[in-house]
Amino acid sequence: MVWWLPWSMIWQGNLLICTKADNMKIIFNADDFGYSKGANLGVIEAYQKGLVRSTTIMAGMSGFDHAVKLLKENLGLGIGVHLTLTTGKSVGGTYSTITDDVGGFLPLIEIERRAHAGELDMAEIEAEYEAQIEKVMDEGIQPDHFDSHHHTHNLPGIVEVFLRLAKKYDVGVRINDKNLLVGEFADIKTTDVFEEGFHGDGATAENLKDIIAGCNGSLEIMCHPAYVDNVLLTYSSYNIVRCTELSILTSYEMMEFVHEGGYELCSFSEI
């Protein structure tokens, strides 16, 4: 079957490129690259055949090496670090306030409780964040932004550590409170809007169109495209819907919508 493509949508190798880009910049960032092989393959398909131009990699997960290999075969894909404090094992070892005695991260609810109670050692978090960042960079990967699994980088105390490291490594960020980007952090790049509504029950084509149409300026849309494998089924509560996201992000319907709206697909290095 051959689909008609508008004149400004062209194939470059396996990748469909939207070249009409005189309006809003959109970053479709695929979280959880490196979580598992299924997650990795979904991200790459969403890049090669869909809307994704950016992803963030999890340094401590079982699919990390596979993700690095795929990334080096897909050099146009923007890459950041998906800093993690709640899933899998730490990269830096064991800690007194963020892991158990074998280096496994504590559950999200406990990390949140300790953050709000002031019971987390920020030096430990900084050390673990740096271990994850350096593991990625040791593979010859230069990240262009940081975000985090379960958004824990926005928690009290942790957010200041996060921003200091973004400043140190000269990268952009996903951030809930843009009012923090002042003073020494004023030159840290982020999008005008961050949108997490394309998720769960919101993972529909119509909702995605509404999100895009309702925004002006640069926009980051969080997404989780994946082929669901046993790792995701076993360890992630967000699993089957990832396949729905992948289908929508690679659909001709959404590619045509983005083209017709004149939206520019990009990564953090291009904002």
C-alpha atoms as a PDB file:
ATOM      1  CA  MET A   1       0.000   0.000   0.000  1.00  0.00           C
ATOM      2  CA  VAL A   2       1.388   3.432  -0.942  1.00  0.00           C
ATOM      3  CA  TRP A   3       0.294   6.460   1.049  1.00  0.00           C
ATOM      4  CA  TRP A   4       0.219   9.922  -0.480  1.00  0.00           C
ATOM      5  CA  LEU A   5       2.610  12.254   1.277  1.00  0.00           C
ATOM      6  CA  PRO A   6       2.498  16.062   1.232  1.00  0.00           C
ATOM      7  CA  TRP A   7       5.319  17.586  -0.782  1.00  0.00           C
ATOM      8  CA  SER A   8       7.257  18.636   2.315  1.00  0.00           C
ATOM      9  CA  MET A   9       7.219  15.215   3.972  1.00  0.00           C
ATOM     10  CA  ILE A  10      10.137  13.229   2.598  1.00  0.00           C
ATOM     11  CA  TRP A  11      11.867   9.957   3.348  1.00  0.00           C
ATOM     12  CA  GLN A  12      15.506  10.112   4.416  1.00  0.00           C
ATOM     13  CA  GLY A  13      16.607   6.517   4.752  1.00  0.00           C
ATOM     14  CA  ASN A  14      14.039   4.999   7.108  1.00  0.00           C
ATOM     15  CA  LEU A  15      13.086   8.344   8.627  1.00  0.00           C
ATOM     16  CA  LEU A  16      10.065  10.437   7.681  1.00  0.00           C
ATOM     17  CA  ILE A  17      11.022  14.115   7.882  1.00  0.00           C
ATOM     18  CA  CYS A  18       8.558  16.987   8.260  1.00  0.00           C
ATOM     19  CA  THR A  19      10.226  19.968   6.601  1.00  0.00           C
ATOM     20  CA  LYS A  20       7.499  22.582   7.004  1.00  0.00           C
ATOM     21  CA  ALA A  21       8.624  24.286  10.206  1.00  0.00           C
ATOM     22  CA  ASP A  22       7.464  27.896  10.356  1.00  0.00           C
ATOM     23  CA  ASN A  23       5.462  27.711  13.567  1.00  0.00           C
ATOM     24  CA  MET A  24       5.815  26.060  16.966  1.00  0.00           C
ATOM     25  CA  LYS A  25       8.705  23.820  17.956  1.00  0.00           C
ATOM     26  CA  ILE A  26       7.680  20.503  19.495  1.00  0.00           C
ATOM     27  CA  ILE A  27       9.912  18.050  21.328  1.00  0.00           C
ATOM     28  CA  PHE A  28       8.351  14.625  21.606  1.00  0.00           C
ATOM     29  CA  ASN A  29      10.646  13.201  24.282  1.00  0.00           C
ATOM     30  CA  ALA A  30      10.482   9.436  24.780  1.00  0.00           C
ATOM     31  CA  ASP A  31      11.227   8.653  28.418  1.00  0.00           C
ATOM     32  CA  ASP A  32      12.645   5.328  29.651  1.00  0.00           C
ATOM     33  CA  PHE A  33      15.161   4.581  26.877  1.00  0.00           C
ATOM     34  CA  GLY A  34      17.302   1.826  28.368  1.00  0.00           C
ATOM     35  CA  TYR A  35      14.568   0.424  30.620  1.00  0.00           C
ATOM     36  CA  SER A  36      14.340  -2.743  28.511  1.00  0.00           C
ATOM     37  CA  LYS A  37      14.816  -3.993  24.961  1.00  0.00           C
ATOM     38  CA  GLY A  38      11.100  -3.551  24.308  1.00  0.00           C
ATOM     39  CA  ALA A  39      11.230   0.055  25.462  1.00  0.00           C
ATOM     40  CA  ASN A  40      14.313   0.681  23.335  1.00  0.00           C
ATOM     41  CA  LEU A  41      12.829  -0.761  20.155  1.00  0.00           C
ATOM     42  CA  GLY A  42       9.663   1.273  20.618  1.00  0.00           C
ATOM     43  CA  VAL A  43      11.624   4.507  21.021  1.00  0.00           C
ATOM     44  CA  ILE A  44      13.673   3.825  17.902  1.00  0.00           C
ATOM     45  CA  GLU A  45      10.588   3.024  15.826  1.00  0.00           C
ATOM     46  CA  ALA A  46       8.906   6.208  17.073  1.00  0.00           C
ATOM     47  CA  TYR A  47      12.004   8.076  15.874  1.00  0.00           C
ATOM     48  CA  GLN A  48      12.465   6.355  12.535  1.00  0.00           C
ATOM     49  CA  LYS A  49       8.791   6.271  11.547  1.00  0.00           C
ATOM     50  CA  GLY A  50       7.094   8.817  13.763  1.00  0.00           C
ATOM     51  CA  LEU A  51       7.226  12.045  15.735  1.00  0.00           C
ATOM     52  CA  VAL A  52       9.930  11.379  18.332  1.00  0.00           C
ATOM     53  CA  ARG A  53      13.184  13.316  17.947  1.00  0.00           C
ATOM     54  CA  SER A  54      14.408  13.146  21.542  1.00  0.00           C
ATOM     55  CA  THR A  55      14.755  10.563  24.285  1.00  0.00           C
ATOM     56  CA  THR A  56      16.235  10.188  27.767  1.00  0.00           C
ATOM     57  CA  ILE A  57      18.273   7.174  28.769  1.00  0.00           C
ATOM     58  CA  MET A  58      18.261   5.312  32.095  1.00  0.00           C
ATOM     59  CA  ALA A  59      21.863   4.502  32.994  1.00  0.00           C
ATOM     60  CA  GLY A  60      21.143   1.807  35.556  1.00  0.00           C
ATOM     61  CA  MET A  61      18.555  -0.350  33.822  1.00  0.00           C
ATOM     62  CA  SER A  62      18.921  -3.713  32.096  1.00  0.00           C
ATOM     63  CA  GLY A  63      18.439  -2.318  28.591  1.00  0.00           C
ATOM     64  CA  PHE A  64      21.188   0.305  28.839  1.00  0.00           C
ATOM     65  CA  ASP A  65      23.815  -1.425  26.671  1.00  0.00           C
ATOM     66  CA  HIS A  66      21.215  -2.255  24.029  1.00  0.00           C
ATOM     67  CA  ALA A  67      20.038   1.373  24.055  1.00  0.00           C
ATOM     68  CA  VAL A  68      23.585   2.657  23.565  1.00  0.00           C
ATOM     69  CA  LYS A  69      24.049   0.372  20.566  1.00  0.00           C
ATOM     70  CA  LEU A  70      20.798   1.565  18.990  1.00  0.00           C
ATOM     71  CA  LEU A  71      21.628   5.192  19.682  1.00  0.00           C
ATOM     72  CA  LYS A  72      24.938   4.908  17.854  1.00  0.00           C
ATOM     73  CA  GLU A  73      23.009   3.576  14.842  1.00  0.00           C
ATOM     74  CA  ASN A  74      20.531   6.480  14.985  1.00  0.00           C
ATOM     75  CA  LEU A  75      22.713   9.542  15.402  1.00  0.00           C
ATOM     76  CA  GLY A  76      19.965  12.062  14.630  1.00  0.00           C
ATOM     77  CA  LEU A  77      18.061  11.175  17.786  1.00  0.00           C
ATOM     78  CA  GLY A  78      18.542  13.752  20.551  1.00  0.00           C
ATOM     79  CA  ILE A  79      19.603  12.191  23.837  1.00  0.00           C
ATOM     80  CA  GLY A  80      19.325  13.222  27.463  1.00  0.00           C
ATOM     81  CA  VAL A  81      19.701  11.462  30.814  1.00  0.00           C
ATOM     82  CA  HIS A  82      16.622  10.125  32.621  1.00  0.00           C
ATOM     83  CA  LEU A  83      17.952  10.488  36.163  1.00  0.00           C
ATOM     84  CA  THR A  84      16.615   7.777  38.410  1.00  0.00           C
ATOM     85  CA  LEU A  85      16.070   7.409  42.168  1.00  0.00           C
ATOM     86  CA  THR A  86      13.105   5.032  42.297  1.00  0.00           C
ATOM     87  CA  THR A  87      13.578   2.134  39.869  1.00  0.00           C
ATOM     88  CA  GLY A  88      16.236  -0.568  39.674  1.00  0.00           C
ATOM     89  CA  LYS A  89      19.651  -0.378  41.308  1.00  0.00           C
ATOM     90  CA  SER A  90      21.889   2.626  41.739  1.00  0.00           C
ATOM     91  CA  VAL A  91      24.923   3.159  39.522  1.00  0.00           C
ATOM     92  CA  GLY A  92      27.067   4.535  42.336  1.00  0.00           C
ATOM     93  CA  GLY A  93      26.586   1.794  44.928  1.00  0.00           C
ATOM     94  CA  THR A  94      24.786   1.753  48.275  1.00  0.00           C
ATOM     95  CA  TYR A  95      23.651   4.860  50.164  1.00  0.00           C
ATOM     96  CA  SER A  96      22.120   5.465  53.565  1.00  0.00           C
ATOM     97  CA  THR A  97      19.100   7.552  52.507  1.00  0.00           C
ATOM     98  CA  ILE A  98      18.205   6.590  48.905  1.00  0.00           C
ATOM     99  CA  THR A  99      18.875   2.832  48.602  1.00  0.00           C
ATOM    100  CA  ASP A 100      18.507  -0.375  50.535  1.00  0.00           C
ATOM    101  CA  ASP A 101      21.568  -2.284  51.734  1.00  0.00           C
ATOM    102  CA  VAL A 102      22.195  -3.905  48.325  1.00  0.00           C
ATOM    103  CA  GLY A 103      21.918  -0.720  46.265  1.00  0.00           C
ATOM    104  CA  GLY A 104      18.283  -1.004  45.231  1.00  0.00           C
ATOM    105  CA  PHE A 105      16.397   2.267  45.088  1.00  0.00           C
ATOM    106  CA  LEU A 106      13.598   2.843  47.560  1.00  0.00           C
ATOM    107  CA  PRO A 107       9.969   3.032  46.362  1.00  0.00           C
ATOM    108  CA  LEU A 108       8.714   6.342  44.978  1.00  0.00           C
ATOM    109  CA  ILE A 109       6.384   6.917  47.903  1.00  0.00           C
ATOM    110  CA  GLU A 110       9.292   6.646  50.354  1.00  0.00           C
ATOM    111  CA  ILE A 111      11.568   8.943  48.348  1.00  0.00           C
ATOM    112  CA  GLU A 112       8.747  11.502  48.244  1.00  0.00           C
ATOM    113  CA  ARG A 113       8.138  11.184  51.994  1.00  0.00           C
ATOM    114  CA  ARG A 114      11.818  11.569  52.834  1.00  0.00           C
ATOM    115  CA  ALA A 115      12.197  14.550  50.493  1.00  0.00           C
ATOM    116  CA  HIS A 116       9.313  16.423  52.112  1.00  0.00           C
ATOM    117  CA  ALA A 117      10.561  15.479  55.588  1.00  0.00           C
ATOM    118  CA  GLY A 118      14.107  16.646  54.849  1.00  0.00           C
ATOM    119  CA  GLU A 119      15.488  13.143  55.401  1.00  0.00           C
ATOM    120  CA  LEU A 120      17.436  12.751  52.150  1.00  0.00           C
ATOM    121  CA  ASP A 121      21.175  13.333  51.994  1.00  0.00           C
ATOM    122  CA  MET A 122      21.618  15.663  49.031  1.00  0.00           C
ATOM    123  CA  ALA A 123      25.307  14.768  48.748  1.00  0.00           C
ATOM    124  CA  GLU A 124      24.219  11.178  48.091  1.00  0.00           C
ATOM    125  CA  ILE A 125      21.767  12.276  45.426  1.00  0.00           C
ATOM    126  CA  GLU A 126      24.372  14.446  43.741  1.00  0.00           C
ATOM    127  CA  ALA A 127      26.855  11.563  43.764  1.00  0.00           C
ATOM    128  CA  GLU A 128      24.312   9.166  42.268  1.00  0.00           C
ATOM    129  CA  TYR A 129      23.139  11.642  39.638  1.00  0.00           C
ATOM    130  CA  GLU A 130      26.752  12.259  38.606  1.00  0.00           C
ATOM    131  CA  ALA A 131      27.444   8.520  38.446  1.00  0.00           C
ATOM    132  CA  GLN A 132      24.527   8.095  36.054  1.00  0.00           C
ATOM    133  CA  ILE A 133      25.541  11.076  33.916  1.00  0.00           C
ATOM    134  CA  GLU A 134      29.163   9.971  33.728  1.00  0.00           C
ATOM    135  CA  LYS A 135      28.165   6.410  32.789  1.00  0.00           C
ATOM    136  CA  VAL A 136      26.271   7.813  29.812  1.00  0.00           C
ATOM    137  CA  MET A 137      29.118  10.124  28.829  1.00  0.00           C
ATOM    138  CA  ASP A 138      31.668   7.305  29.150  1.00  0.00           C
ATOM    139  CA  GLU A 139      29.899   5.726  26.161  1.00  0.00           C
ATOM    140  CA  GLY A 140      30.802   8.746  24.047  1.00  0.00           C
ATOM    141  CA  ILE A 141      27.311  10.215  24.392  1.00  0.00           C
ATOM    142  CA  GLN A 142      26.946  13.951  24.967  1.00  0.00           C
ATOM    143  CA  PRO A 143      23.529  14.562  26.545  1.00  0.00           C
ATOM    144  CA  ASP A 144      21.577  17.678  25.631  1.00  0.00           C
ATOM    145  CA  HIS A 145      19.186  17.689  28.602  1.00  0.00           C
ATOM    146  CA  PHE A 146      18.233  16.096  31.903  1.00  0.00           C
ATOM    147  CA  ASP A 147      14.893  14.955  33.294  1.00  0.00           C
ATOM    148  CA  SER A 148      13.988  12.227  35.770  1.00  0.00           C
ATOM    149  CA  HIS A 149      12.011   9.047  36.278  1.00  0.00           C
ATOM    150  CA  HIS A 150       8.765   9.760  38.161  1.00  0.00           C
ATOM    151  CA  HIS A 151       9.686  13.491  38.089  1.00  0.00           C
ATOM    152  CA  THR A 152      11.626  13.139  41.339  1.00  0.00           C
ATOM    153  CA  HIS A 153      14.033  15.905  40.325  1.00  0.00           C
ATOM    154  CA  ASN A 154      11.249  18.379  41.191  1.00  0.00           C
ATOM    155  CA  LEU A 155      11.120  17.323  44.857  1.00  0.00           C
ATOM    156  CA  PRO A 156      12.328  19.692  47.615  1.00  0.00           C
ATOM    157  CA  GLY A 157      16.097  19.806  47.852  1.00  0.00           C
ATOM    158  CA  ILE A 158      16.597  17.494  44.901  1.00  0.00           C
ATOM    159  CA  VAL A 159      15.644  20.203  42.406  1.00  0.00           C
ATOM    160  CA  GLU A 160      18.566  22.409  43.465  1.00  0.00           C
ATOM    161  CA  VAL A 161      20.987  19.492  43.003  1.00  0.00           C
ATOM    162  CA  PHE A 162      19.439  18.804  39.616  1.00  0.00           C
ATOM    163  CA  LEU A 163      19.822  22.398  38.436  1.00  0.00           C
ATOM    164  CA  ARG A 164      23.419  22.657  39.648  1.00  0.00           C
ATOM    165  CA  LEU A 165      24.303  19.602  37.592  1.00  0.00           C
ATOM    166  CA  ALA A 166      22.449  20.928  34.540  1.00  0.00           C
ATOM    167  CA  LYS A 167      24.489  24.099  34.865  1.00  0.00           C
ATOM    168  CA  LYS A 168      27.721  22.129  35.331  1.00  0.00           C
ATOM    169  CA  TYR A 169      27.137  19.960  32.266  1.00  0.00           C
ATOM    170  CA  ASP A 170      25.625  22.820  30.227  1.00  0.00           C
ATOM    171  CA  VAL A 171      22.424  21.022  29.267  1.00  0.00           C
ATOM    172  CA  GLY A 172      18.732  21.837  29.039  1.00  0.00           C
ATOM    173  CA  VAL A 173      16.123  20.593  31.480  1.00  0.00           C
ATOM    174  CA  ARG A 174      12.548  19.519  31.946  1.00  0.00           C
ATOM    175  CA  ILE A 175      11.342  21.483  34.944  1.00  0.00           C
ATOM    176  CA  ASN A 176       7.976  21.941  36.648  1.00  0.00           C
ATOM    177  CA  ASP A 177       8.721  25.339  38.208  1.00  0.00           C
ATOM    178  CA  LYS A 178      10.329  27.607  35.615  1.00  0.00           C
ATOM    179  CA  ASN A 179      10.532  30.357  38.240  1.00  0.00           C
ATOM    180  CA  LEU A 180      13.609  28.518  39.550  1.00  0.00           C
ATOM    181  CA  LEU A 181      15.502  29.372  36.359  1.00  0.00           C
ATOM    182  CA  VAL A 182      16.831  32.671  37.670  1.00  0.00           C
ATOM    183  CA  GLY A 183      20.178  33.931  38.907  1.00  0.00           C
ATOM    184  CA  GLU A 184      22.905  31.386  38.296  1.00  0.00           C
ATOM    185  CA  PHE A 185      20.366  29.126  36.571  1.00  0.00           C
ATOM    186  CA  ALA A 186      18.897  31.766  34.264  1.00  0.00           C
ATOM    187  CA  ASP A 187      20.672  30.507  31.158  1.00  0.00           C
ATOM    188  CA  ILE A 188      19.533  26.877  31.509  1.00  0.00           C
ATOM    189  CA  LYS A 189      17.383  26.011  28.506  1.00  0.00           C
ATOM    190  CA  THR A 190      13.904  24.572  28.717  1.00  0.00           C
ATOM    191  CA  THR A 191      10.757  24.663  26.632  1.00  0.00           C
ATOM    192  CA  ASP A 192       8.036  27.261  27.104  1.00  0.00           C
ATOM    193  CA  VAL A 193       5.611  24.487  28.039  1.00  0.00           C
ATOM    194  CA  PHE A 194       5.985  20.939  29.353  1.00  0.00           C
ATOM    195  CA  GLU A 195       3.001  18.646  28.767  1.00  0.00           C
ATOM    196  CA  GLU A 196       2.534  15.257  30.428  1.00  0.00           C
ATOM    197  CA  GLY A 197      -1.105  14.745  29.435  1.00  0.00           C
ATOM    198  CA  PHE A 198      -0.361  12.267  26.622  1.00  0.00           C
ATOM    199  CA  HIS A 199      -0.329   9.457  29.150  1.00  0.00           C
ATOM    200  CA  GLY A 200      -2.699   6.761  30.381  1.00  0.00           C
ATOM    201  CA  ASP A 201      -6.285   7.633  29.456  1.00  0.00           C
ATOM    202  CA  GLY A 202      -4.914  10.726  27.717  1.00  0.00           C
ATOM    203  CA  ALA A 203      -2.945   8.650  25.207  1.00  0.00           C
ATOM    204  CA  THR A 204      -5.296   9.288  22.283  1.00  0.00           C
ATOM    205  CA  ALA A 205      -4.764  10.977  18.955  1.00  0.00           C
ATOM    206  CA  GLU A 206      -7.521  13.506  19.638  1.00  0.00           C
ATOM    207  CA  ASN A 207      -6.034  14.504  22.986  1.00  0.00           C
ATOM    208  CA  LEU A 208      -2.597  14.822  21.437  1.00  0.00           C
ATOM    209  CA  LYS A 209      -3.978  17.109  18.735  1.00  0.00           C
ATOM    210  CA  ASP A 210      -5.705  19.227  21.386  1.00  0.00           C
ATOM    211  CA  ILE A 211      -2.468  19.528  23.370  1.00  0.00           C
ATOM    212  CA  ILE A 212      -0.557  20.711  20.326  1.00  0.00           C
ATOM    213  CA  ALA A 213      -3.249  23.049  19.025  1.00  0.00           C
ATOM    214  CA  GLY A 214      -3.659  24.703  22.416  1.00  0.00           C
ATOM    215  CA  CYS A 215      -0.025  25.690  22.827  1.00  0.00           C
ATOM    216  CA  ASN A 216       2.152  28.544  21.605  1.00  0.00           C
ATOM    217  CA  GLY A 217       5.931  28.644  21.709  1.00  0.00           C
ATOM    218  CA  SER A 218       8.175  25.647  22.285  1.00  0.00           C
ATOM    219  CA  LEU A 219       6.526  22.542  23.720  1.00  0.00           C
ATOM    220  CA  GLU A 220       7.857  19.314  25.217  1.00  0.00           C
ATOM    221  CA  ILE A 221       5.463  16.374  25.156  1.00  0.00           C
ATOM    222  CA  MET A 222       6.426  13.461  27.387  1.00  0.00           C
ATOM    223  CA  CYS A 223       5.780  10.046  25.858  1.00  0.00           C
ATOM    224  CA  HIS A 224       6.616   6.380  26.481  1.00  0.00           C
ATOM    225  CA  PRO A 225       6.484   4.418  23.201  1.00  0.00           C
ATOM    226  CA  ALA A 226       7.469   0.781  23.595  1.00  0.00           C
ATOM    227  CA  TYR A 227       6.985  -2.807  22.610  1.00  0.00           C
ATOM    228  CA  VAL A 228       5.926  -4.341  25.897  1.00  0.00           C
ATOM    229  CA  ASP A 229       8.257  -7.131  26.975  1.00  0.00           C
ATOM    230  CA  ASN A 230       8.468  -9.171  30.158  1.00  0.00           C
ATOM    231  CA  VAL A 231      10.647  -6.572  31.894  1.00  0.00           C
ATOM    232  CA  LEU A 232       8.022  -3.865  31.440  1.00  0.00           C
ATOM    233  CA  LEU A 233       5.196  -6.220  32.362  1.00  0.00           C
ATOM    234  CA  THR A 234       6.976  -7.277  35.529  1.00  0.00           C
ATOM    235  CA  TYR A 235       8.487  -4.047  36.799  1.00  0.00           C
ATOM    236  CA  SER A 236       6.514  -1.144  35.320  1.00  0.00           C
ATOM    237  CA  SER A 237       2.923  -0.351  36.268  1.00  0.00           C
ATOM    238  CA  TYR A 238       2.754   1.653  33.045  1.00  0.00           C
ATOM    239  CA  ASN A 239       3.043  -1.033  30.394  1.00  0.00           C
ATOM    240  CA  ILE A 240       0.351  -1.953  27.850  1.00  0.00           C
ATOM    241  CA  VAL A 241      -0.539   1.679  27.107  1.00  0.00           C
ATOM    242  CA  ARG A 242       3.011   2.164  25.838  1.00  0.00           C
ATOM    243  CA  CYS A 243       2.005   0.192  22.725  1.00  0.00           C
ATOM    244  CA  THR A 244      -0.936   2.540  22.188  1.00  0.00           C
ATOM    245  CA  GLU A 245       1.400   5.516  22.428  1.00  0.00           C
ATOM    246  CA  LEU A 246       3.730   3.962  19.862  1.00  0.00           C
ATOM    247  CA  SER A 247       0.860   3.377  17.444  1.00  0.00           C
ATOM    248  CA  ILE A 248      -0.330   6.979  17.719  1.00  0.00           C
ATOM    249  CA  LEU A 249       3.142   8.516  17.483  1.00  0.00           C
ATOM    250  CA  THR A 250       3.854   6.608  14.257  1.00  0.00           C
ATOM    251  CA  SER A 251       0.411   7.062  12.702  1.00  0.00           C
ATOM    252  CA  TYR A 252      -0.081   8.810   9.387  1.00  0.00           C
ATOM    253  CA  GLU A 253      -2.908  10.753  11.042  1.00  0.00           C
ATOM    254  CA  MET A 254      -0.520  12.444  13.484  1.00  0.00           C
ATOM    255  CA  MET A 255       2.260  12.930  10.944  1.00  0.00           C
ATOM    256  CA  GLU A 256      -0.207  14.688   8.656  1.00  0.00           C
ATOM    257  CA  PHE A 257      -1.554  16.818  11.532  1.00  0.00           C
ATOM    258  CA  VAL A 258       1.951  17.990  12.431  1.00  0.00           C
ATOM    259  CA  HIS A 259       2.746  18.741   8.795  1.00  0.00           C
ATOM    260  CA  GLU A 260      -0.473  20.621   8.127  1.00  0.00           C
ATOM    261  CA  GLY A 261       0.012  22.732  11.246  1.00  0.00           C
ATOM    262  CA  GLY A 262       3.517  23.723  10.210  1.00  0.00           C
ATOM    263  CA  TYR A 263       4.993  22.460  13.482  1.00  0.00           C
ATOM    264  CA  GLU A 264       8.729  21.816  13.783  1.00  0.00           C
ATOM    265  CA  LEU A 265       9.859  18.559  15.339  1.00  0.00           C
ATOM    266  CA  CYS A 266      13.135  18.989  17.205  1.00  0.00           C
ATOM    267  CA  SER A 267      15.317  18.010  20.164  1.00  0.00           C
ATOM    268  CA  PHE A 268      16.599  20.038  23.120  1.00  0.00           C
ATOM    269  CA  SER A 269      19.729  21.001  21.214  1.00  0.00           C
ATOM    270  CA  GLU A 270      17.514  22.904  18.762  1.00  0.00           C
ATOM    271  CA  ILE A 271      15.544  25.143  21.113  1.00  0.00           C
END
